[in-house]
Full PDB file with SEQRES, HELIX, SHEET, SSBOND, CRYST1, ORIGX, SCALE, CONECT and MASTER records, all heavy atoms in Angstrom:
SEQRES   1 A   34  ALA GLY ILE ARG SER GLY GLY ASN THR ASN TYR ALA ASP          
SEQRES   2 A   34  SER VAL LYS GLY ARG PHE THR ILE SER ARG ASP ASN ALA          
SEQRES   3 A   34  LYS ASN THR VAL SER LEU GLN MET                              
SHEET    1 AA1 2 GLY A   2  ILE A   3  0                                        
SHEET    2 AA1 2 THR A   9  ASN A  10 -1                                        
SHEET    1 AA2 2 THR A  20  ASP A  24  0                                        
SHEET    2 AA2 2 THR A  29  GLN A  33 -1                                        
CRYST1    1.000    1.000    1.000  90.00  90.00  90.00 P 1           1          
ORIGX1      1.000000  0.000000  0.000000        0.00000                         
ORIGX2      0.000000  1.000000  0.000000        0.00000                         
ORIGX3      0.000000  0.000000  1.000000        0.00000                         
SCALE1      1.000000  0.000000  0.000000        0.00000                         
SCALE2      0.000000  1.000000  0.000000        0.00000                         
SCALE3      0.000000  0.000000  1.000000        0.00000                         
ATOM      1  N   ALA A   1      44.284  28.810-103.041  1.00  0.00           N  
ATOM      2  CA  ALA A   1      43.608  30.078-102.759  1.00  0.00           C  
ATOM      3  C   ALA A   1      43.982  31.097-103.819  1.00  0.00           C  
ATOM      4  O   ALA A   1      45.088  31.061-104.343  1.00  0.00           O  
ATOM      5  CB  ALA A   1      43.992  30.601-101.374  1.00  0.00           C  
ATOM      6  N   GLY A   2      43.042  31.999-104.110  1.00  0.00           N  
ATOM      7  CA  GLY A   2      43.300  33.057-105.075  1.00  0.00           C  
ATOM      8  C   GLY A   2      42.855  34.396-104.529  1.00  0.00           C  
ATOM      9  O   GLY A   2      41.975  34.459-103.662  1.00  0.00           O  
ATOM     10  N   ILE A   3      43.482  35.450-105.027  1.00  0.00           N  
ATOM     11  CA  ILE A   3      43.099  36.798-104.608  1.00  0.00           C  
ATOM     12  C   ILE A   3      43.204  37.729-105.811  1.00  0.00           C  
ATOM     13  O   ILE A   3      44.203  37.726-106.535  1.00  0.00           O  
ATOM     14  CB  ILE A   3      43.971  37.290-103.425  1.00  0.00           C  
ATOM     15  CG1 ILE A   3      43.473  38.645-102.926  1.00  0.00           C  
ATOM     16  CG2 ILE A   3      45.453  37.336-103.789  1.00  0.00           C  
ATOM     17  CD1 ILE A   3      44.044  39.011-101.553  1.00  0.00           C  
ATOM     18  N   ARG A   4      42.147  38.493-106.039  1.00  0.00           N  
ATOM     19  CA  ARG A   4      42.114  39.422-107.161  1.00  0.00           C  
ATOM     20  C   ARG A   4      42.667  40.775-106.743  1.00  0.00           C  
ATOM     21  O   ARG A   4      42.930  41.012-105.565  1.00  0.00           O  
ATOM     22  CB  ARG A   4      40.688  39.547-107.681  1.00  0.00           C  
ATOM     23  CG  ARG A   4      40.133  38.235-108.214  1.00  0.00           C  
ATOM     24  CD  ARG A   4      38.791  38.409-108.892  1.00  0.00           C  
ATOM     25  NE  ARG A   4      38.256  37.139-109.355  1.00  0.00           N  
ATOM     26  CZ  ARG A   4      38.578  36.568-110.500  1.00  0.00           C  
ATOM     27  NH1 ARG A   4      39.444  37.163-111.296  1.00  0.00           N  
ATOM     28  NH2 ARG A   4      38.031  35.425-110.844  1.00  0.00           N  
ATOM     29  N   SER A   5      42.817  41.651-107.725  1.00  0.00           N  
ATOM     30  CA  SER A   5      43.408  42.954-107.456  1.00  0.00           C  
ATOM     31  C   SER A   5      42.588  43.738-106.447  1.00  0.00           C  
ATOM     32  O   SER A   5      43.141  44.496-105.640  1.00  0.00           O  
ATOM     33  CB  SER A   5      43.547  43.747-108.757  1.00  0.00           C  
ATOM     34  OG  SER A   5      42.280  43.907-109.373  1.00  0.00           O  
ATOM     35  N   GLY A   6      41.278  43.547-106.459  1.00  0.00           N  
ATOM     36  CA  GLY A   6      40.424  44.278-105.526  1.00  0.00           C  
ATOM     37  C   GLY A   6      40.326  43.645-104.153  1.00  0.00           C  
ATOM     38  O   GLY A   6      39.679  44.191-103.260  1.00  0.00           O  
ATOM     39  N   GLY A   7      40.973  42.485-103.992  1.00  0.00           N  
ATOM     40  CA  GLY A   7      40.988  41.834-102.688  1.00  0.00           C  
ATOM     41  C   GLY A   7      40.034  40.669-102.548  1.00  0.00           C  
ATOM     42  O   GLY A   7      40.041  39.999-101.514  1.00  0.00           O  
ATOM     43  N   ASN A   8      39.181  40.436-103.544  1.00  0.00           N  
ATOM     44  CA  ASN A   8      38.284  39.272-103.461  1.00  0.00           C  
ATOM     45  C   ASN A   8      39.101  37.995-103.433  1.00  0.00           C  
ATOM     46  O   ASN A   8      40.087  37.851-104.161  1.00  0.00           O  
ATOM     47  CB  ASN A   8      37.339  39.251-104.659  1.00  0.00           C  
ATOM     48  CG  ASN A   8      36.302  40.358-104.591  1.00  0.00           C  
ATOM     49  OD1 ASN A   8      36.036  40.904-103.531  1.00  0.00           O  
ATOM     50  ND2 ASN A   8      35.716  40.699-105.728  1.00  0.00           N  
ATOM     51  N   THR A   9      38.670  37.060-102.601  1.00  0.00           N  
ATOM     52  CA  THR A   9      39.411  35.821-102.417  1.00  0.00           C  
ATOM     53  C   THR A   9      38.538  34.607-102.693  1.00  0.00           C  
ATOM     54  O   THR A   9      37.306  34.679-102.629  1.00  0.00           O  
ATOM     55  CB  THR A   9      39.965  35.710-100.995  1.00  0.00           C  
ATOM     56  OG1 THR A   9      38.871  35.759-100.060  1.00  0.00           O  
ATOM     57  CG2 THR A   9      40.926  36.850-100.680  1.00  0.00           C  
ATOM     58  N   ASN A  10      39.182  33.504-102.991  1.00  0.00           N  
ATOM     59  CA  ASN A  10      38.493  32.223-103.122  1.00  0.00           C  
ATOM     60  C   ASN A  10      39.429  31.145-102.625  1.00  0.00           C  
ATOM     61  O   ASN A  10      40.656  31.289-102.671  1.00  0.00           O  
ATOM     62  CB  ASN A  10      38.051  31.960-104.562  1.00  0.00           C  
ATOM     63  CG  ASN A  10      39.192  31.901-105.541  1.00  0.00           C  
ATOM     64  OD1 ASN A  10      39.786  32.909-105.889  1.00  0.00           O  
ATOM     65  ND2 ASN A  10      39.531  30.703-105.983  1.00  0.00           N  
ATOM     66  N   TYR A  11      38.839  30.064-102.111  1.00  0.00           N  
ATOM     67  CA  TYR A  11      39.612  28.994-101.484  1.00  0.00           C  
ATOM     68  C   TYR A  11      39.116  27.624-101.936  1.00  0.00           C  
ATOM     69  O   TYR A  11      37.926  27.441-102.207  1.00  0.00           O  
ATOM     70  CB  TYR A  11      39.482  29.061 -99.962  1.00  0.00           C  
ATOM     71  CG  TYR A  11      40.049  30.314 -99.350  1.00  0.00           C  
ATOM     72  CD1 TYR A  11      39.249  31.440 -99.141  1.00  0.00           C  
ATOM     73  CD2 TYR A  11      41.390  30.383 -98.969  1.00  0.00           C  
ATOM     74  CE1 TYR A  11      39.770  32.592 -98.587  1.00  0.00           C  
ATOM     75  CE2 TYR A  11      41.919  31.525 -98.407  1.00  0.00           C  
ATOM     76  CZ  TYR A  11      41.103  32.636 -98.227  1.00  0.00           C  
ATOM     77  OH  TYR A  11      41.622  33.769 -97.665  1.00  0.00           O  
ATOM     78  N   ALA A  12      40.026  26.670-101.951  1.00  0.00           N  
ATOM     79  CA  ALA A  12      39.628  25.285-102.124  1.00  0.00           C  
ATOM     80  C   ALA A  12      38.836  24.867-100.883  1.00  0.00           C  
ATOM     81  O   ALA A  12      39.128  25.313 -99.766  1.00  0.00           O  
ATOM     82  CB  ALA A  12      40.851  24.399-102.284  1.00  0.00           C  
ATOM     83  N   ASP A  13      37.848  23.998-101.087  1.00  0.00           N  
ATOM     84  CA  ASP A  13      37.028  23.561 -99.957  1.00  0.00           C  
ATOM     85  C   ASP A  13      37.876  22.942 -98.852  1.00  0.00           C  
ATOM     86  O   ASP A  13      37.569  23.084 -97.663  1.00  0.00           O  
ATOM     87  CB  ASP A  13      35.981  22.543-100.432  1.00  0.00           C  
ATOM     88  CG  ASP A  13      34.881  23.188-101.252  1.00  0.00           C  
ATOM     89  OD1 ASP A  13      34.730  24.430-101.200  1.00  0.00           O  
ATOM     90  OD2 ASP A  13      34.164  22.446-101.955  1.00  0.00           O  
ATOM     91  N   SER A  14      38.944  22.273 -99.237  1.00  0.00           N  
ATOM     92  CA  SER A  14      39.761  21.546 -98.259  1.00  0.00           C  
ATOM     93  C   SER A  14      40.526  22.463 -97.309  1.00  0.00           C  
ATOM     94  O   SER A  14      41.010  22.010 -96.269  1.00  0.00           O  
ATOM     95  CB  SER A  14      40.758  20.632 -98.986  1.00  0.00           C  
ATOM     96  OG  SER A  14      41.597  21.393 -99.837  1.00  0.00           O  
ATOM     97  N   VAL A  15      40.641  23.750 -97.645  1.00  0.00           N  
ATOM     98  CA  VAL A  15      41.413  24.667 -96.792  1.00  0.00           C  
ATOM     99  C   VAL A  15      40.564  25.791 -96.208  1.00  0.00           C  
ATOM    100  O   VAL A  15      41.075  26.596 -95.419  1.00  0.00           O  
ATOM    101  CB  VAL A  15      42.617  25.258 -97.550  1.00  0.00           C  
ATOM    102  CG1 VAL A  15      43.468  24.160 -98.168  1.00  0.00           C  
ATOM    103  CG2 VAL A  15      42.179  26.271 -98.603  1.00  0.00           C  
ATOM    104  N   LYS A  16      39.305  25.866 -96.579  1.00  0.00           N  
ATOM    105  CA  LYS A  16      38.441  26.936 -96.064  1.00  0.00           C  
ATOM    106  C   LYS A  16      38.395  26.897 -94.550  1.00  0.00           C  
ATOM    107  O   LYS A  16      38.241  25.846 -93.937  1.00  0.00           O  
ATOM    108  CB  LYS A  16      37.026  26.785 -96.634  1.00  0.00           C  
ATOM    109  CG  LYS A  16      36.880  27.277 -98.055  1.00  0.00           C  
ATOM    110  CD  LYS A  16      35.441  27.121 -98.547  1.00  0.00           C  
ATOM    111  CE  LYS A  16      35.321  27.586 -99.988  1.00  0.00           C  
ATOM    112  NZ  LYS A  16      33.942  27.368-100.518  1.00  0.00           N  
ATOM    113  N   GLY A  17      38.545  28.076 -93.955  1.00  0.00           N  
ATOM    114  CA  GLY A  17      38.529  28.188 -92.508  1.00  0.00           C  
ATOM    115  C   GLY A  17      39.875  27.937 -91.853  1.00  0.00           C  
ATOM    116  O   GLY A  17      40.043  28.181 -90.655  1.00  0.00           O  
ATOM    117  N   ARG A  18      40.843  27.441 -92.628  1.00  0.00           N  
ATOM    118  CA  ARG A  18      42.177  27.169 -92.079  1.00  0.00           C  
ATOM    119  C   ARG A  18      43.256  28.048 -92.704  1.00  0.00           C  
ATOM    120  O   ARG A  18      44.212  28.435 -92.026  1.00  0.00           O  
ATOM    121  CB  ARG A  18      42.555  25.695 -92.299  1.00  0.00           C  
ATOM    122  CG  ARG A  18      41.604  24.716 -91.652  1.00  0.00           C  
ATOM    123  CD  ARG A  18      42.143  23.282 -91.726  1.00  0.00           C  
ATOM    124  NE  ARG A  18      42.300  22.810 -93.099  1.00  0.00           N  
ATOM    125  CZ  ARG A  18      43.445  22.376 -93.613  1.00  0.00           C  
ATOM    126  NH1 ARG A  18      44.541  22.354 -92.874  1.00  0.00           N  
ATOM    127  NH2 ARG A  18      43.493  21.944 -94.861  1.00  0.00           N  
ATOM    128  N   PHE A  19      43.102  28.353 -93.989  1.00  0.00           N  
ATOM    129  CA  PHE A  19      44.098  29.138 -94.717  1.00  0.00           C  
ATOM    130  C   PHE A  19      43.529  30.517 -95.038  1.00  0.00           C  
ATOM    131  O   PHE A  19      42.329  30.665 -95.282  1.00  0.00           O  
ATOM    132  CB  PHE A  19      44.466  28.458 -96.024  1.00  0.00           C  
ATOM    133  CG  PHE A  19      45.254  27.188 -95.894  1.00  0.00           C  
ATOM    134  CD1 PHE A  19      45.419  26.545 -94.682  1.00  0.00           C  
ATOM    135  CD2 PHE A  19      45.823  26.616 -97.022  1.00  0.00           C  
ATOM    136  CE1 PHE A  19      46.137  25.366 -94.573  1.00  0.00           C  
ATOM    137  CE2 PHE A  19      46.548  25.445 -96.947  1.00  0.00           C  
ATOM    138  CZ  PHE A  19      46.708  24.817 -95.712  1.00  0.00           C  
ATOM    139  N   THR A  20      44.414  31.505 -95.062  1.00  0.00           N  
ATOM    140  CA  THR A  20      44.025  32.866 -95.433  1.00  0.00           C  
ATOM    141  C   THR A  20      45.051  33.447 -96.394  1.00  0.00           C  
ATOM    142  O   THR A  20      46.247  33.469 -96.082  1.00  0.00           O  
ATOM    143  CB  THR A  20      43.924  33.771 -94.199  1.00  0.00           C  
ATOM    144  OG1 THR A  20      42.991  33.229 -93.264  1.00  0.00           O  
ATOM    145  CG2 THR A  20      43.460  35.171 -94.594  1.00  0.00           C  
ATOM    146  N   ILE A  21      44.565  33.908 -97.543  1.00  0.00           N  
ATOM    147  CA  ILE A  21      45.438  34.558 -98.507  1.00  0.00           C  
ATOM    148  C   ILE A  21      45.294  36.068 -98.364  1.00  0.00           C  
ATOM    149  O   ILE A  21      44.197  36.580 -98.106  1.00  0.00           O  
ATOM    150  CB  ILE A  21      45.109  34.105 -99.952  1.00  0.00           C  
ATOM    151  CG1 ILE A  21      46.154  34.616-100.944  1.00  0.00           C  
ATOM    152  CG2 ILE A  21      43.697  34.529-100.363  1.00  0.00           C  
ATOM    153  CD1 ILE A  21      46.009  34.027-102.346  1.00  0.00           C  
ATOM    154  N   SER A  22      46.396  36.773 -98.520  1.00  0.00           N  
ATOM    155  CA  SER A  22      46.364  38.233 -98.433  1.00  0.00           C  
ATOM    156  C   SER A  22      47.440  38.803 -99.354  1.00  0.00           C  
ATOM    157  O   SER A  22      48.336  38.081 -99.793  1.00  0.00           O  
ATOM    158  CB  SER A  22      46.596  38.692 -96.992  1.00  0.00           C  
ATOM    159  OG  SER A  22      47.864  38.261 -96.523  1.00  0.00           O  
ATOM    160  N   ARG A  23      47.328  40.087 -99.636  1.00  0.00           N  
ATOM    161  CA  ARG A  23      48.315  40.740-100.487  1.00  0.00           C  
ATOM    162  C   ARG A  23      48.650  42.114 -99.928  1.00  0.00           C  
ATOM    163  O   ARG A  23      47.811  42.769 -99.297  1.00  0.00           O  
ATOM    164  CB  ARG A  23      47.821  40.841-101.930  1.00  0.00           C  
ATOM    165  CG  ARG A  23      46.630  41.739-102.157  1.00  0.00           C  
ATOM    166  CD  ARG A  23      46.070  41.562-103.575  1.00  0.00           C  
ATOM    167  NE  ARG A  23      47.038  41.916-104.604  1.00  0.00           N  
ATOM    168  CZ  ARG A  23      46.967  41.484-105.854  1.00  0.00           C  
ATOM    169  NH1 ARG A  23      45.993  40.668-106.229  1.00  0.00           N  
ATOM    170  NH2 ARG A  23      47.869  41.855-106.741  1.00  0.00           N  
ATOM    171  N   ASP A  24      49.885  42.522-100.180  1.00  0.00           N  
ATOM    172  CA  ASP A  24      50.345  43.855 -99.811  1.00  0.00           C  
ATOM    173  C   ASP A  24      50.884  44.491-101.083  1.00  0.00           C  
ATOM    174  O   ASP A  24      52.013  44.202-101.500  1.00  0.00           O  
ATOM    175  CB  ASP A  24      51.432  43.758 -98.729  1.00  0.00           C  
ATOM    176  CG  ASP A  24      51.855  45.113 -98.213  1.00  0.00           C  
ATOM    177  OD1 ASP A  24      51.705  46.121 -98.940  1.00  0.00           O  
ATOM    178  OD2 ASP A  24      52.365  45.170 -97.088  1.00  0.00           O  
ATOM    179  N   ASN A  25      50.070  45.318-101.705  1.00  0.00           N  
ATOM    180  CA  ASN A  25      50.466  45.896-102.990  1.00  0.00           C  
ATOM    181  C   ASN A  25      51.635  46.864-102.862  1.00  0.00           C  
ATOM    182  O   ASN A  25      52.382  47.068-103.806  1.00  0.00           O  
ATOM    183  CB  ASN A  25      49.284  46.587-103.643  1.00  0.00           C  
ATOM    184  CG  ASN A  25      48.225  45.603-104.114  1.00  0.00           C  
ATOM    185  OD1 ASN A  25      48.511  44.432-104.373  1.00  0.00           O  
ATOM    186  ND2 ASN A  25      46.991  46.064-104.206  1.00  0.00           N  
ATOM    187  N   ALA A  26      51.808  47.455-101.685  1.00  0.00           N  
ATOM    188  CA  ALA A  26      52.931  48.372-101.482  1.00  0.00           C  
ATOM    189  C   ALA A  26      54.258  47.622-101.469  1.00  0.00           C  
ATOM    190  O   ALA A  26      55.297  48.183-101.831  1.00  0.00           O  
ATOM    191  CB  ALA A  26      52.740  49.137-100.184  1.00  0.00           C  
ATOM    192  N   LYS A  27      54.202  46.356-101.047  1.00  0.00           N  
ATOM    193  CA  LYS A  27      55.431  45.557-100.955  1.00  0.00           C  
ATOM    194  C   LYS A  27      55.534  44.506-102.057  1.00  0.00           C  
ATOM    195  O   LYS A  27      56.483  43.736-102.095  1.00  0.00           O  
ATOM    196  CB  LYS A  27      55.503  44.871 -99.591  1.00  0.00           C  
ATOM    197  CG  LYS A  27      55.606  45.832 -98.423  1.00  0.00           C  
ATOM    198  CD  LYS A  27      55.717  45.075 -97.106  1.00  0.00           C  
ATOM    199  CE  LYS A  27      55.854  46.049 -95.939  1.00  0.00           C  
ATOM    200  NZ  LYS A  27      55.946  45.325 -94.636  1.00  0.00           N  
ATOM    201  N   ASN A  28      54.534  44.481-102.951  1.00  0.00           N  
ATOM    202  CA  ASN A  28      54.533  43.478-104.025  1.00  0.00           C  
ATOM    203  C   ASN A  28      54.622  42.054-103.486  1.00  0.00           C  
ATOM    204  O   ASN A  28      55.402  41.230-103.978  1.00  0.00           O  
ATOM    205  CB  ASN A  28      55.675  43.715-105.031  1.00  0.00           C  
ATOM    206  CG  ASN A  28      55.337  44.772-106.055  1.00  0.00           C  
ATOM    207  OD1 ASN A  28      54.432  45.571-105.850  1.00  0.00           O  
ATOM    208  ND2 ASN A  28      56.052  44.790-107.155  1.00  0.00           N  
ATOM    209  N   THR A  29      53.842  41.770-102.464  1.00  0.00           N  
ATOM    210  CA  THR A  29      53.870  40.435-101.877  1.00  0.00           C  
ATOM    211  C   THR A  29      52.456  39.875-101.727  1.00  0.00           C  
ATOM    212  O   THR A  29      51.487  40.626-101.549  1.00  0.00           O  
ATOM    213  CB  THR A  29      54.542  40.420-100.507  1.00  0.00           C  
ATOM    214  OG1 THR A  29      53.844  41.307 -99.628  1.00  0.00           O  
ATOM    215  CG2 THR A  29      55.999  40.835-100.587  1.00  0.00           C  
ATOM    216  N   VAL A  30      52.370  38.574-101.800  1.00  0.00           N  
ATOM    217  CA  VAL A  30      51.139  37.858-101.487  1.00  0.00           C  
ATOM    218  C   VAL A  30      51.507  36.758-100.499  1.00  0.00           C  
ATOM    219  O   VAL A  30      52.561  36.120-100.630  1.00  0.00           O  
ATOM    220  CB  VAL A  30      50.457  37.298-102.752  1.00  0.00           C  
ATOM    221  CG1 VAL A  30      51.363  36.325-103.474  1.00  0.00           C  
ATOM    222  CG2 VAL A  30      49.140  36.646-102.402  1.00  0.00           C  
ATOM    223  N   SER A  31      50.677  36.574 -99.501  1.00  0.00           N  
ATOM    224  CA  SER A  31      50.989  35.636 -98.429  1.00  0.00           C  
ATOM    225  C   SER A  31      49.886  34.610 -98.268  1.00  0.00           C  
ATOM    226  O   SER A  31      48.736  34.847 -98.660  1.00  0.00           O  
ATOM    227  CB  SER A  31      51.183  36.391 -97.114  1.00  0.00           C  
ATOM    228  OG  SER A  31      52.266  37.304 -97.205  1.00  0.00           O  
ATOM    229  N   LEU A  32      50.252  33.480 -97.685  1.00  0.00           N  
ATOM    230  CA  LEU A  32      49.281  32.438 -97.371  1.00  0.00           C  
ATOM    231  C   LEU A  32      49.524  32.006 -95.922  1.00  0.00           C  
ATOM    232  O   LEU A  32      50.558  31.392 -95.627  1.00  0.00           O  
ATOM    233  CB  LEU A  32      49.431  31.245 -98.306  1.00  0.00           C  
ATOM    234  CG  LEU A  32      48.383  30.148 -98.139  1.00  0.00           C  
ATOM    235  CD1 LEU A  32      47.004  30.648 -98.581  1.00  0.00           C  
ATOM    236  CD2 LEU A  32      48.769  28.901 -98.931  1.00  0.00           C  
ATOM    237  N   GLN A  33      48.615  32.375 -95.051  1.00  0.00           N  
ATOM    238  CA  GLN A  33      48.681  31.946 -93.655  1.00  0.00           C  
ATOM    239  C   GLN A  33      47.969  30.609 -93.540  1.00  0.00           C  
ATOM    240  O   GLN A  33      46.785  30.501 -93.886  1.00  0.00           O  
ATOM    241  CB  GLN A  33      48.018  32.975 -92.739  1.00  0.00           C  
ATOM    242  CG  GLN A  33      47.998  32.587 -91.277  1.00  0.00           C  
ATOM    243  CD  GLN A  33      49.379  32.514 -90.667  1.00  0.00           C  
ATOM    244  OE1 GLN A  33      50.217  33.377 -90.925  1.00  0.00           O  
ATOM    245  NE2 GLN A  33      49.626  31.484 -89.863  1.00  0.00           N  
ATOM    246  N   MET A  34      48.684  29.602 -93.080  1.00  0.00           N  
ATOM    247  CA  MET A  34      48.140  28.252 -93.004  1.00  0.00           C  
ATOM    248  C   MET A  34      48.092  27.823 -91.543  1.00  0.00           C  
ATOM    249  O   MET A  34      49.136  27.720 -90.887  1.00  0.00           O  
ATOM    250  CB  MET A  34      49.004  27.292 -93.817  1.00  0.00           C  
ATOM    251  CG  MET A  34      49.191  27.720 -95.262  1.00  0.00           C  
ATOM    252  SD  MET A  34      50.067  26.485 -96.254  1.00  0.00           S  
ATOM    253  CE  MET A  34      51.685  26.544 -95.471  1.00  0.00           C  
TER     254      MET A  34                                                      
MASTER        0    0    0    0    4    0    0    6  253    1    0    3          
END                                                                             
């Protein structure tokens, strides 16, 4: 999964609907909920 600075995301077909990528710019973190 990928996430751009503006929040746009993309996923591999194999994980779509199951995984979610997100970012918190205030905390300098990016997460992957699986």
